[in-house]
């Protein structure tokens, strides 16, 4: 009887030790997960400020071999809400888009787009998400629902998804996959690579 008691006590201690080691292992893995603060300067193609704060920095440059032009910020009034916000203009050929910090600092997203579709030219975009901002982890995926406001008070909800495929560190390039889907149908599927002080350096389109 005494021997059985000692054996059970030993096994109990052994199991507790295994549980504690397992908890410590997973805690260590989570706490040391690779993460990075992604600054707006990376998208702008300017030198990164060490303060790690999201703010509107002055920028006017060309990226992606001169095909992409970015300038701003400047004040723009959202026609749907009447709200005035700070935006950047991004121009590629005849296509002009306005970008601002969106989704509580998680993204830089489009708020207006000059391209004409079947519904006309979009008046404004709510919760757009095109570029990740703030703290993200290696391999992390986030989804956002963007509302496109069209003329005649028409609205459509489109899902945006960003997945970090190569996070790197503060001095290295960032690569992420961006998809856009409407009612489950993928419309756009691209890989973007942005490098410090250069901005967009590579675009791979899968659709």
N, C-alpha and C. Protein backbone atom coordinates (compact mmCIF):
# COMPACT_ATOMS: atom_id res chain seq x y z
N UNK A 1 0.83 -1.21 0.00
CA UNK A 1 0.00 0.00 0.00
C UNK A 1 0.86 1.25 0.00
N UNK A 2 1.89 1.23 0.86
CA UNK A 2 2.81 2.36 0.96
C UNK A 2 3.56 2.56 -0.35
N UNK A 3 3.99 1.44 -0.94
CA UNK A 3 4.72 1.50 -2.21
C UNK A 3 3.83 2.09 -3.31
N UNK A 4 2.55 1.70 -3.34
CA UNK A 4 1.61 2.24 -4.32
C UNK A 4 1.45 3.74 -4.15
N UNK A 5 1.37 4.19 -2.91
CA UNK A 5 1.22 5.62 -2.62
C UNK A 5 2.42 6.42 -3.13
N UNK A 6 3.63 5.87 -2.83
CA UNK A 6 4.86 6.54 -3.27
C UNK A 6 4.90 6.61 -4.79
N UNK A 7 4.47 5.53 -5.46
CA UNK A 7 4.47 5.49 -6.92
C UNK A 7 3.52 6.51 -7.51
N UNK A 8 2.32 6.62 -6.94
CA UNK A 8 1.35 7.59 -7.42
C UNK A 8 1.85 9.02 -7.22
N UNK A 9 2.48 9.25 -6.08
CA UNK A 9 3.01 10.58 -5.77
C UNK A 9 4.11 10.94 -6.76
N UNK A 10 4.95 9.94 -7.12
CA UNK A 10 6.05 10.17 -8.06
C UNK A 10 5.49 10.49 -9.44
N UNK A 11 4.49 9.70 -9.86
CA UNK A 11 3.89 9.92 -11.18
C UNK A 11 3.21 11.28 -11.26
N UNK A 12 2.57 11.68 -10.16
CA UNK A 12 1.91 12.98 -10.11
C UNK A 12 2.92 14.10 -10.31
N UNK A 13 4.05 14.02 -9.61
CA UNK A 13 5.10 15.02 -9.76
C UNK A 13 5.65 15.04 -11.18
N UNK A 14 5.76 13.84 -11.74
CA UNK A 14 6.30 13.72 -13.10
C UNK A 14 5.37 14.38 -14.11
N UNK A 15 4.04 14.10 -13.95
CA UNK A 15 3.07 14.70 -14.86
C UNK A 15 3.02 16.22 -14.71
N UNK A 16 3.12 16.70 -13.48
CA UNK A 16 3.11 18.14 -13.24
C UNK A 16 4.32 18.80 -13.90
N UNK A 17 5.45 18.12 -13.83
CA UNK A 17 6.67 18.65 -14.44
C UNK A 17 6.51 18.76 -15.95
N UNK A 18 5.90 17.71 -16.55
CA UNK A 18 5.67 17.71 -18.00
C UNK A 18 4.74 18.85 -18.39
N UNK A 19 3.67 19.05 -17.60
CA UNK A 19 2.70 20.12 -17.89
C UNK A 19 3.36 21.49 -17.81
N UNK A 20 4.17 21.69 -16.76
CA UNK A 20 4.85 22.98 -16.58
C UNK A 20 5.81 23.25 -17.73
N UNK A 21 6.58 22.24 -18.12
CA UNK A 21 7.52 22.39 -19.23
C UNK A 21 6.80 22.71 -20.54
N UNK A 22 5.63 22.06 -20.73
CA UNK A 22 4.84 22.31 -21.94
C UNK A 22 4.33 23.75 -21.98
N UNK A 23 3.83 24.22 -20.83
CA UNK A 23 3.34 25.61 -20.74
C UNK A 23 4.47 26.59 -21.01
N UNK A 24 5.64 26.34 -20.41
CA UNK A 24 6.78 27.22 -20.62
C UNK A 24 7.22 27.24 -22.07
N UNK A 25 7.16 26.07 -22.73
CA UNK A 25 7.56 25.98 -24.13
C UNK A 25 6.66 26.84 -25.01
N UNK A 26 5.34 26.66 -24.83
CA UNK A 26 4.41 27.41 -25.67
C UNK A 26 4.42 28.89 -25.35
N UNK A 27 4.61 29.23 -24.08
CA UNK A 27 4.70 30.65 -23.70
C UNK A 27 5.91 31.28 -24.35
N UNK A 28 7.01 30.55 -24.36
CA UNK A 28 8.24 31.05 -24.99
C UNK A 28 8.05 31.22 -26.47
N UNK A 29 7.35 30.27 -27.10
CA UNK A 29 7.12 30.33 -28.55
C UNK A 29 6.28 31.54 -28.91
N UNK A 30 5.21 31.77 -28.14
CA UNK A 30 4.32 32.90 -28.42
C UNK A 30 5.03 34.22 -28.18
N UNK A 31 5.73 34.34 -27.05
CA UNK A 31 6.36 35.61 -26.69
C UNK A 31 7.49 35.97 -27.64
N UNK A 32 8.10 34.93 -28.28
CA UNK A 32 9.21 35.20 -29.18
C UNK A 32 8.78 35.08 -30.65
N UNK A 33 7.46 35.13 -30.91
CA UNK A 33 6.99 35.09 -32.29
C UNK A 33 7.56 36.28 -33.04
N UNK A 34 7.99 36.04 -34.27
CA UNK A 34 8.61 37.10 -35.07
C UNK A 34 7.55 38.14 -35.41
N UNK A 35 7.78 39.37 -35.03
CA UNK A 35 6.86 40.44 -35.35
C UNK A 35 7.64 41.69 -35.72
N UNK A 36 6.94 42.62 -36.37
CA UNK A 36 7.60 43.84 -36.87
C UNK A 36 6.60 44.98 -36.88
N UNK A 37 7.08 46.15 -36.53
CA UNK A 37 6.26 47.35 -36.69
C UNK A 37 6.44 47.83 -38.12
N UNK A 38 5.35 47.82 -38.88
CA UNK A 38 5.41 48.24 -40.29
C UNK A 38 5.01 49.70 -40.37
N UNK A 39 5.94 50.58 -40.72
CA UNK A 39 5.67 52.02 -40.73
C UNK A 39 5.09 52.49 -42.07
N UNK A 40 4.42 53.61 -42.04
CA UNK A 40 3.87 54.19 -43.26
C UNK A 40 4.99 54.63 -44.21
N UNK A 41 6.17 54.94 -43.64
CA UNK A 41 7.31 55.36 -44.46
C UNK A 41 7.72 54.30 -45.46
N UNK A 42 7.48 53.03 -45.12
CA UNK A 42 7.84 51.94 -46.03
C UNK A 42 7.01 52.04 -47.31
N UNK A 43 5.74 52.35 -47.18
CA UNK A 43 4.87 52.53 -48.35
C UNK A 43 5.22 53.81 -49.10
N UNK A 44 5.57 54.84 -48.35
CA UNK A 44 5.89 56.13 -48.97
C UNK A 44 7.22 56.11 -49.72
N UNK A 45 8.10 55.18 -49.34
CA UNK A 45 9.41 55.13 -49.98
C UNK A 45 10.38 56.17 -49.46
N UNK A 46 10.22 56.54 -48.17
CA UNK A 46 11.12 57.52 -47.55
C UNK A 46 11.83 56.86 -46.36
N UNK A 47 12.83 57.57 -45.82
CA UNK A 47 13.57 57.03 -44.68
C UNK A 47 12.64 56.83 -43.50
N UNK A 48 12.86 55.75 -42.75
CA UNK A 48 12.00 55.40 -41.63
C UNK A 48 12.36 56.19 -40.38
N UNK A 49 11.36 56.79 -39.75
CA UNK A 49 11.55 57.50 -38.49
C UNK A 49 11.61 56.47 -37.35
N UNK A 50 12.54 56.62 -36.45
CA UNK A 50 12.75 55.62 -35.40
C UNK A 50 11.69 55.64 -34.30
N UNK A 51 10.78 56.60 -34.31
CA UNK A 51 9.79 56.72 -33.23
C UNK A 51 8.71 55.64 -33.29
N UNK A 52 8.57 54.98 -34.42
CA UNK A 52 7.55 53.94 -34.61
C UNK A 52 6.15 54.46 -34.32
N UNK A 53 5.85 55.60 -34.92
CA UNK A 53 4.51 56.17 -34.80
C UNK A 53 3.92 56.35 -36.19
N UNK A 54 2.61 56.16 -36.28
CA UNK A 54 1.92 56.34 -37.54
C UNK A 54 1.49 57.80 -37.66
N UNK A 55 2.06 58.50 -38.62
CA UNK A 55 1.70 59.88 -38.86
C UNK A 55 1.87 60.18 -40.35
N UNK A 56 1.35 61.30 -40.77
CA UNK A 56 1.41 61.67 -42.18
C UNK A 56 2.68 62.46 -42.47
N UNK A 57 3.65 61.79 -43.08
CA UNK A 57 4.91 62.43 -43.45
C UNK A 57 4.82 62.98 -44.87
N UNK A 58 5.54 64.05 -45.13
CA UNK A 58 5.59 64.61 -46.47
C UNK A 58 6.36 63.68 -47.40
N UNK A 59 5.82 63.49 -48.60
CA UNK A 59 6.49 62.64 -49.57
C UNK A 59 6.09 63.03 -50.99
N UNK A 60 7.04 62.93 -51.89
CA UNK A 60 6.77 63.12 -53.32
C UNK A 60 7.89 62.41 -54.07
N UNK A 61 7.56 61.25 -54.61
CA UNK A 61 8.59 60.48 -55.28
C UNK A 61 7.99 59.53 -56.32
N UNK A 62 8.89 58.78 -56.96
CA UNK A 62 8.49 57.77 -57.94
C UNK A 62 8.98 56.41 -57.46
N UNK A 63 8.17 55.38 -57.70
CA UNK A 63 8.51 54.02 -57.29
C UNK A 63 8.28 53.05 -58.45
N UNK A 64 8.66 51.81 -58.22
CA UNK A 64 8.44 50.75 -59.20
C UNK A 64 8.97 51.14 -60.57
N UNK A 65 10.24 51.56 -60.57
CA UNK A 65 10.88 51.94 -61.84
C UNK A 65 10.33 53.20 -62.46
N UNK A 66 9.75 54.08 -61.64
CA UNK A 66 9.22 55.35 -62.13
C UNK A 66 7.78 55.28 -62.62
N UNK A 67 7.18 54.08 -62.57
CA UNK A 67 5.80 53.92 -63.07
C UNK A 67 4.77 54.40 -62.07
N UNK A 68 5.18 54.50 -60.80
CA UNK A 68 4.26 54.86 -59.72
C UNK A 68 4.68 56.19 -59.11
N UNK A 69 3.74 57.12 -58.98
CA UNK A 69 4.04 58.43 -58.41
C UNK A 69 3.21 58.63 -57.14
N UNK A 70 3.89 59.07 -56.07
CA UNK A 70 3.20 59.31 -54.80
C UNK A 70 3.50 60.71 -54.31
N UNK A 71 2.47 61.41 -53.82
CA UNK A 71 2.70 62.72 -53.22
C UNK A 71 1.63 63.00 -52.17
N UNK A 72 1.98 63.85 -51.23
CA UNK A 72 1.04 64.22 -50.17
C UNK A 72 1.78 64.43 -48.86
N UNK A 73 1.02 64.59 -47.77
CA UNK A 73 -0.44 64.50 -47.70
C UNK A 73 -1.12 65.82 -48.01
N UNK A 74 -2.43 65.74 -48.26
CA UNK A 74 -3.25 66.94 -48.45
C UNK A 74 -4.66 66.62 -47.98
N UNK A 75 -5.44 67.66 -47.74
CA UNK A 75 -6.80 67.48 -47.22
C UNK A 75 -7.76 67.08 -48.34
N UNK A 76 -8.60 66.10 -48.02
CA UNK A 76 -9.62 65.62 -48.98
C UNK A 76 -10.92 65.43 -48.23
N UNK A 77 -12.03 65.83 -48.85
CA UNK A 77 -13.34 65.71 -48.21
C UNK A 77 -14.08 64.48 -48.74
N UNK A 78 -14.45 63.61 -47.82
CA UNK A 78 -15.23 62.43 -48.15
C UNK A 78 -16.65 62.88 -48.52
N UNK A 79 -17.03 62.65 -49.77
CA UNK A 79 -18.33 63.13 -50.26
C UNK A 79 -19.49 62.44 -49.57
N UNK A 80 -19.28 61.21 -49.11
CA UNK A 80 -20.36 60.45 -48.47
C UNK A 80 -20.65 60.97 -47.06
N UNK A 81 -19.57 61.23 -46.30
CA UNK A 81 -19.74 61.63 -44.90
C UNK A 81 -19.53 63.11 -44.65
N UNK A 82 -18.89 63.78 -45.60
CA UNK A 82 -18.58 65.19 -45.42
C UNK A 82 -17.35 65.43 -44.55
N UNK A 83 -16.69 64.35 -44.15
CA UNK A 83 -15.51 64.44 -43.29
C UNK A 83 -14.27 64.78 -44.09
N UNK A 84 -13.45 65.68 -43.55
CA UNK A 84 -12.20 66.05 -44.21
C UNK A 84 -11.06 65.27 -43.57
N UNK A 85 -10.27 64.56 -44.37
CA UNK A 85 -9.16 63.76 -43.86
C UNK A 85 -7.89 64.02 -44.66
N UNK A 86 -6.77 63.55 -44.13
CA UNK A 86 -5.49 63.64 -44.82
C UNK A 86 -5.30 62.42 -45.72
N UNK A 87 -4.87 62.67 -46.95
CA UNK A 87 -4.68 61.57 -47.90
C UNK A 87 -3.39 61.75 -48.70
N UNK A 88 -2.97 60.64 -49.30
CA UNK A 88 -1.88 60.66 -50.27
C UNK A 88 -2.45 60.33 -51.63
N UNK A 89 -1.88 60.93 -52.66
CA UNK A 89 -2.27 60.60 -54.02
C UNK A 89 -1.26 59.62 -54.61
N UNK A 90 -1.78 58.52 -55.16
CA UNK A 90 -0.92 57.58 -55.87
C UNK A 90 -1.40 57.50 -57.31
N UNK A 91 -0.46 57.70 -58.23
CA UNK A 91 -0.83 57.76 -59.65
C UNK A 91 0.01 56.78 -60.46
N UNK A 92 -0.67 55.97 -61.26
CA UNK A 92 -0.01 55.08 -62.21
C UNK A 92 -0.69 55.27 -63.56
N UNK A 93 0.00 55.91 -64.50
CA UNK A 93 -0.62 56.24 -65.77
C UNK A 93 -1.77 57.20 -65.56
N UNK A 94 -2.96 56.83 -66.07
CA UNK A 94 -4.14 57.68 -65.89
C UNK A 94 -4.92 57.34 -64.62
N UNK A 95 -4.50 56.28 -63.92
CA UNK A 95 -5.21 55.85 -62.71
C UNK A 95 -4.73 56.64 -61.50
N UNK A 96 -5.67 57.28 -60.82
CA UNK A 96 -5.36 58.06 -59.62
C UNK A 96 -6.14 57.48 -58.45
N UNK A 97 -5.46 57.30 -57.31
CA UNK A 97 -6.09 56.79 -56.10
C UNK A 97 -5.65 57.62 -54.90
N UNK A 98 -6.57 57.78 -53.95
CA UNK A 98 -6.25 58.46 -52.69
C UNK A 98 -6.18 57.42 -51.57
N UNK A 99 -5.16 57.55 -50.72
CA UNK A 99 -4.94 56.62 -49.62
C UNK A 99 -4.90 57.36 -48.30
N UNK A 100 -5.36 56.67 -47.24
CA UNK A 100 -5.28 57.22 -45.89
C UNK A 100 -5.10 56.08 -44.90
N UNK A 101 -4.77 56.41 -43.65
CA UNK A 101 -4.65 55.40 -42.59
C UNK A 101 -6.05 54.96 -42.20
N UNK A 102 -6.29 53.64 -42.21
CA UNK A 102 -7.63 53.11 -41.98
C UNK A 102 -7.62 51.98 -40.95
N UNK A 103 -8.83 51.50 -40.63
CA UNK A 103 -9.02 50.34 -39.74
C UNK A 103 -8.22 50.47 -38.44
N UNK A 104 -8.36 51.62 -37.80
CA UNK A 104 -7.69 51.89 -36.51
C UNK A 104 -6.17 51.67 -36.58
N UNK A 105 -5.59 52.11 -37.68
CA UNK A 105 -4.13 52.04 -37.81
C UNK A 105 -3.59 50.70 -38.27
N UNK A 106 -4.46 49.78 -38.68
CA UNK A 106 -4.00 48.47 -39.16
C UNK A 106 -3.60 48.50 -40.63
N UNK A 107 -4.05 49.52 -41.34
CA UNK A 107 -3.84 49.54 -42.80
C UNK A 107 -3.63 50.95 -43.32
N UNK A 108 -3.09 50.97 -44.53
CA UNK A 108 -3.19 52.14 -45.39
C UNK A 108 -4.15 51.68 -46.48
N UNK A 109 -5.25 52.38 -46.64
CA UNK A 109 -6.27 51.91 -47.57
C UNK A 109 -6.73 52.98 -48.53
N UNK A 110 -7.30 52.54 -49.64
CA UNK A 110 -7.85 53.48 -50.61
C UNK A 110 -9.15 54.09 -50.06
N UNK A 111 -9.29 55.38 -50.26
CA UNK A 111 -10.54 56.05 -49.87
C UNK A 111 -11.26 56.60 -51.11
N UNK A 112 -10.55 56.62 -52.24
CA UNK A 112 -11.14 57.08 -53.50
C UNK A 112 -10.33 56.52 -54.65
N UNK A 113 -11.01 56.25 -55.79
CA UNK A 113 -10.36 55.66 -56.95
C UNK A 113 -10.97 56.27 -58.21
N UNK A 114 -10.12 56.71 -59.14
CA UNK A 114 -10.61 57.43 -60.32
C UNK A 114 -11.15 56.51 -61.42
N UNK A 115 -10.89 55.22 -61.33
CA UNK A 115 -11.29 54.32 -62.40
C UNK A 115 -12.82 54.18 -62.49
N UNK A 116 -13.32 54.18 -63.69
CA UNK A 116 -14.76 54.08 -63.91
C UNK A 116 -15.14 52.62 -64.10
N UNK A 117 -16.16 52.16 -63.34
CA UNK A 117 -16.69 50.82 -63.49
C UNK A 117 -18.13 50.89 -64.00
N UNK A 118 -18.80 49.76 -63.95
CA UNK A 118 -20.19 49.72 -64.41
C UNK A 118 -21.07 50.63 -63.56
N UNK A 119 -20.71 50.76 -62.26
CA UNK A 119 -21.51 51.58 -61.35
C UNK A 119 -21.11 53.06 -61.41
N UNK A 120 -20.10 53.36 -62.21
CA UNK A 120 -19.58 54.73 -62.29
C UNK A 120 -18.26 54.84 -61.56
N UNK A 121 -17.92 56.04 -61.13
CA UNK A 121 -16.70 56.27 -60.36
C UNK A 121 -17.05 56.26 -58.88
N UNK A 122 -16.31 55.47 -58.09
CA UNK A 122 -16.61 55.34 -56.67
C UNK A 122 -16.50 56.70 -55.98
N UNK A 123 -17.48 57.02 -55.14
CA UNK A 123 -17.47 58.30 -54.42
C UNK A 123 -16.48 58.26 -53.26
N UNK A 124 -16.52 57.15 -52.53
CA UNK A 124 -15.60 56.98 -51.40
C UNK A 124 -15.55 55.50 -51.02
N UNK A 125 -14.50 55.13 -50.29
CA UNK A 125 -14.34 53.77 -49.81
C UNK A 125 -14.13 53.81 -48.31
N UNK A 126 -14.93 53.05 -47.56
CA UNK A 126 -14.79 52.96 -46.11
C UNK A 126 -14.02 51.69 -45.74
N UNK A 127 -13.09 51.82 -44.80
CA UNK A 127 -12.32 50.68 -44.30
C UNK A 127 -11.51 49.96 -45.38
N UNK A 128 -11.03 50.72 -46.36
CA UNK A 128 -10.17 50.13 -47.37
C UNK A 128 -8.87 49.63 -46.73
N UNK A 129 -8.26 48.62 -47.33
CA UNK A 129 -7.00 48.09 -46.79
C UNK A 129 -6.15 47.58 -47.94
N UNK A 130 -5.02 48.25 -48.16
CA UNK A 130 -4.14 47.86 -49.26
C UNK A 130 -2.73 47.55 -48.79
N UNK A 131 -2.34 48.11 -47.64
CA UNK A 131 -0.98 47.94 -47.14
C UNK A 131 -1.03 47.80 -45.62
N UNK A 132 -0.35 46.81 -45.04
CA UNK A 132 -0.40 46.61 -43.58
C UNK A 132 0.39 47.68 -42.83
N UNK A 133 -0.16 48.13 -41.72
CA UNK A 133 0.52 49.12 -40.87
C UNK A 133 0.52 48.63 -39.42
N UNK A 134 1.49 49.12 -38.63
CA UNK A 134 1.54 48.75 -37.23
C UNK A 134 2.22 47.41 -37.03
N UNK A 135 1.92 46.76 -35.92
CA UNK A 135 2.59 45.50 -35.55
C UNK A 135 1.89 44.31 -36.21
N UNK A 136 2.66 43.55 -36.99
CA UNK A 136 2.19 42.32 -37.63
C UNK A 136 3.20 41.22 -37.35
N UNK A 137 2.71 39.96 -37.37
CA UNK A 137 3.57 38.80 -37.15
C UNK A 137 3.85 38.06 -38.45
N UNK A 138 4.94 37.34 -38.47
CA UNK A 138 5.29 36.51 -39.62
C UNK A 138 4.16 35.52 -39.90
N UNK A 139 3.69 35.49 -41.13
CA UNK A 139 2.64 34.56 -41.53
C UNK A 139 1.23 34.96 -41.11
N UNK A 140 1.07 36.10 -40.47
CA UNK A 140 -0.25 36.51 -39.99
C UNK A 140 -1.18 36.89 -41.13
N UNK A 141 -2.47 36.57 -40.96
CA UNK A 141 -3.50 36.91 -41.94
C UNK A 141 -4.60 37.71 -41.26
N UNK A 142 -5.02 38.79 -41.89
CA UNK A 142 -6.15 39.58 -41.39
C UNK A 142 -7.10 39.87 -42.54
N UNK A 143 -8.38 39.93 -42.20
CA UNK A 143 -9.41 40.21 -43.20
C UNK A 143 -10.16 41.49 -42.84
N UNK A 144 -10.55 42.24 -43.86
CA UNK A 144 -11.24 43.50 -43.67
C UNK A 144 -12.39 43.60 -44.67
N UNK A 145 -13.49 44.18 -44.24
CA UNK A 145 -14.63 44.40 -45.12
C UNK A 145 -14.67 45.87 -45.51
N UNK A 146 -14.49 46.13 -46.79
CA UNK A 146 -14.48 47.50 -47.30
C UNK A 146 -15.81 47.82 -47.95
N UNK A 147 -16.32 49.00 -47.67
CA UNK A 147 -17.58 49.45 -48.26
C UNK A 147 -17.30 50.46 -49.36
N UNK A 148 -17.75 50.13 -50.57
CA UNK A 148 -17.60 51.02 -51.72
C UNK A 148 -18.89 51.80 -51.91
N UNK A 149 -18.79 53.11 -51.83
CA UNK A 149 -19.95 53.98 -52.00
C UNK A 149 -19.97 54.51 -53.43
N UNK A 150 -21.06 54.20 -54.15
CA UNK A 150 -21.18 54.57 -55.56
C UNK A 150 -22.22 55.68 -55.71
N UNK A 151 -22.30 56.29 -56.91
CA UNK A 151 -23.36 57.29 -57.14
C UNK A 151 -24.75 56.68 -56.93
N UNK A 152 -25.73 57.52 -56.73
CA UNK A 152 -27.12 57.13 -56.49
C UNK A 152 -27.27 56.27 -55.24
N UNK A 153 -26.38 56.49 -54.27
CA UNK A 153 -26.44 55.86 -52.95
C UNK A 153 -26.33 54.33 -52.98
N UNK A 154 -25.70 53.81 -54.00
CA UNK A 154 -25.47 52.37 -54.06
C UNK A 154 -24.20 52.03 -53.28
N UNK A 155 -24.22 50.85 -52.62
CA UNK A 155 -23.07 50.43 -51.83
C UNK A 155 -22.78 48.95 -52.08
N UNK A 156 -21.50 48.60 -52.07
CA UNK A 156 -21.11 47.19 -52.15
C UNK A 156 -20.06 46.92 -51.08
N UNK A 157 -20.10 45.71 -50.53
CA UNK A 157 -19.13 45.30 -49.51
C UNK A 157 -18.18 44.28 -50.13
N UNK A 158 -16.89 44.56 -50.07
CA UNK A 158 -15.88 43.70 -50.67
C UNK A 158 -14.85 43.32 -49.60
N UNK A 159 -14.45 42.05 -49.60
CA UNK A 159 -13.51 41.57 -48.59
C UNK A 159 -12.07 41.71 -49.07
N UNK A 160 -11.23 42.28 -48.21
CA UNK A 160 -9.79 42.39 -48.46
C UNK A 160 -9.06 41.48 -47.47
N UNK A 161 -8.06 40.80 -47.95
CA UNK A 161 -7.28 39.93 -47.07
C UNK A 161 -5.80 40.16 -47.29
N UNK A 162 -5.06 40.30 -46.19
CA UNK A 162 -3.62 40.47 -46.25
C UNK A 162 -2.96 39.33 -45.48
N UNK A 163 -1.98 38.71 -46.11
CA UNK A 163 -1.18 37.68 -45.43
C UNK A 163 0.29 38.04 -45.55
N UNK A 164 0.98 38.10 -44.42
CA UNK A 164 2.41 38.39 -44.43
C UNK A 164 3.16 37.14 -44.87
N UNK A 165 3.87 37.22 -45.97
CA UNK A 165 4.61 36.05 -46.47
C UNK A 165 6.10 36.13 -46.18
N UNK A 166 6.63 37.34 -46.05
CA UNK A 166 8.04 37.52 -45.67
C UNK A 166 8.17 38.81 -44.89
N UNK A 167 8.16 38.69 -43.56
CA UNK A 167 8.13 39.86 -42.70
C UNK A 167 9.45 40.62 -42.68
N UNK A 168 10.57 39.88 -42.53
CA UNK A 168 11.86 40.54 -42.43
C UNK A 168 11.97 41.37 -41.16
N UNK A 169 13.03 42.19 -41.06
CA UNK A 169 13.16 43.10 -39.92
C UNK A 169 13.06 44.53 -40.41
N UNK A 170 13.32 45.48 -39.51
CA UNK A 170 13.13 46.89 -39.83
C UNK A 170 13.96 47.37 -41.02
N UNK A 171 15.07 46.71 -41.30
CA UNK A 171 15.96 47.15 -42.36
C UNK A 171 15.81 46.33 -43.64
N UNK A 172 14.90 45.35 -43.61
CA UNK A 172 14.72 44.48 -44.78
C UNK A 172 13.38 44.73 -45.47
N UNK A 173 13.26 44.15 -46.65
CA UNK A 173 12.03 44.30 -47.43
C UNK A 173 10.89 43.48 -46.82
N UNK A 174 9.68 43.91 -47.08
CA UNK A 174 8.47 43.24 -46.63
C UNK A 174 7.71 42.72 -47.84
N UNK A 175 7.26 41.46 -47.77
CA UNK A 175 6.43 40.90 -48.84
C UNK A 175 5.13 40.40 -48.23
N UNK A 176 4.02 40.77 -48.83
CA UNK A 176 2.72 40.30 -48.36
C UNK A 176 1.82 39.99 -49.54
N UNK A 177 0.85 39.12 -49.29
CA UNK A 177 -0.12 38.75 -50.33
C UNK A 177 -1.43 39.46 -50.04
N UNK A 178 -1.98 40.07 -51.06
CA UNK A 178 -3.22 40.85 -50.93
C UNK A 178 -4.25 40.29 -51.89
N UNK A 179 -5.41 39.94 -51.34
CA UNK A 179 -6.49 39.45 -52.20
C UNK A 179 -7.76 40.26 -51.97
N UNK A 180 -8.53 40.37 -53.02
CA UNK A 180 -9.80 41.08 -52.98
C UNK A 180 -10.86 40.14 -53.52
N UNK A 181 -11.93 39.96 -52.76
CA UNK A 181 -12.98 39.05 -53.21
C UNK A 181 -14.37 39.66 -53.02
N UNK A 182 -15.26 39.34 -53.95
CA UNK A 182 -16.63 39.84 -53.92
C UNK A 182 -17.57 38.64 -53.98
N UNK A 183 -18.35 38.43 -52.90
CA UNK A 183 -19.27 37.28 -52.81
C UNK A 183 -18.53 35.96 -53.02
N UNK A 184 -17.34 35.85 -52.43
CA UNK A 184 -16.57 34.61 -52.49
C UNK A 184 -15.73 34.45 -53.74
N UNK A 185 -15.89 35.32 -54.72
CA UNK A 185 -15.13 35.24 -55.96
C UNK A 185 -13.90 36.16 -55.87
N UNK A 186 -12.72 35.59 -56.06
CA UNK A 186 -11.49 36.38 -55.98
C UNK A 186 -11.35 37.23 -57.24
N UNK A 187 -11.21 38.54 -57.03
CA UNK A 187 -11.09 39.49 -58.13
C UNK A 187 -9.62 39.85 -58.38
N UNK A 188 -8.89 40.07 -57.29
CA UNK A 188 -7.46 40.40 -57.37
C UNK A 188 -6.68 39.52 -56.42
N UNK A 189 -5.47 39.14 -56.83
CA UNK A 189 -4.61 38.29 -56.00
C UNK A 189 -3.16 38.62 -56.35
N UNK A 190 -2.50 39.38 -55.47
CA UNK A 190 -1.16 39.87 -55.78
C UNK A 190 -0.20 39.73 -54.61
N UNK A 191 1.08 39.59 -54.93
CA UNK A 191 2.17 39.69 -53.96
C UNK A 191 2.83 41.05 -54.15
N UNK A 192 3.03 41.78 -53.05
CA UNK A 192 3.71 43.07 -53.10
C UNK A 192 4.97 43.01 -52.24
N UNK A 193 6.04 43.59 -52.74
CA UNK A 193 7.28 43.72 -51.97
C UNK A 193 7.64 45.19 -51.85
N UNK A 194 7.82 45.63 -50.60
CA UNK A 194 8.22 47.01 -50.32
C UNK A 194 9.55 47.00 -49.57
N UNK A 195 10.44 47.90 -49.96
CA UNK A 195 11.77 47.96 -49.34
C UNK A 195 12.02 49.34 -48.74
N UNK A 196 12.77 49.40 -47.62
CA UNK A 196 13.06 50.67 -46.96
C UNK A 196 13.67 51.70 -47.92
N UNK A 197 13.14 52.92 -47.86
CA UNK A 197 13.61 54.07 -48.65
C UNK A 197 13.38 53.91 -50.15
N UNK A 198 12.65 52.86 -50.55
CA UNK A 198 12.37 52.63 -51.97
C UNK A 198 10.88 52.51 -52.26
N UNK A 199 10.12 52.01 -51.30
CA UNK A 199 8.70 51.77 -51.53
C UNK A 199 8.49 50.49 -52.31
N UNK A 200 7.53 50.51 -53.23
CA UNK A 200 7.20 49.31 -54.00
C UNK A 200 8.34 48.95 -54.95
N UNK A 201 8.81 47.72 -54.85
CA UNK A 201 9.89 47.26 -55.73
C UNK A 201 9.49 46.07 -56.59
N UNK A 202 8.43 45.35 -56.18
CA UNK A 202 8.05 44.16 -56.93
C UNK A 202 6.56 43.86 -56.77
N UNK A 203 5.93 43.52 -57.87
CA UNK A 203 4.52 43.14 -57.88
C UNK A 203 4.37 41.86 -58.69
N UNK A 204 3.82 40.84 -58.05
CA UNK A 204 3.55 39.58 -58.73
C UNK A 204 2.04 39.34 -58.70
N UNK A 205 1.43 39.25 -59.86
CA UNK A 205 -0.02 39.07 -59.94
C UNK A 205 -0.35 37.62 -60.27
N UNK A 206 -1.30 37.05 -59.48
CA UNK A 206 -1.73 35.68 -59.71
C UNK A 206 -3.08 35.62 -60.40
N UNK A 207 -3.70 36.79 -60.54
CA UNK A 207 -5.02 36.83 -61.19
C UNK A 207 -5.23 38.17 -61.87
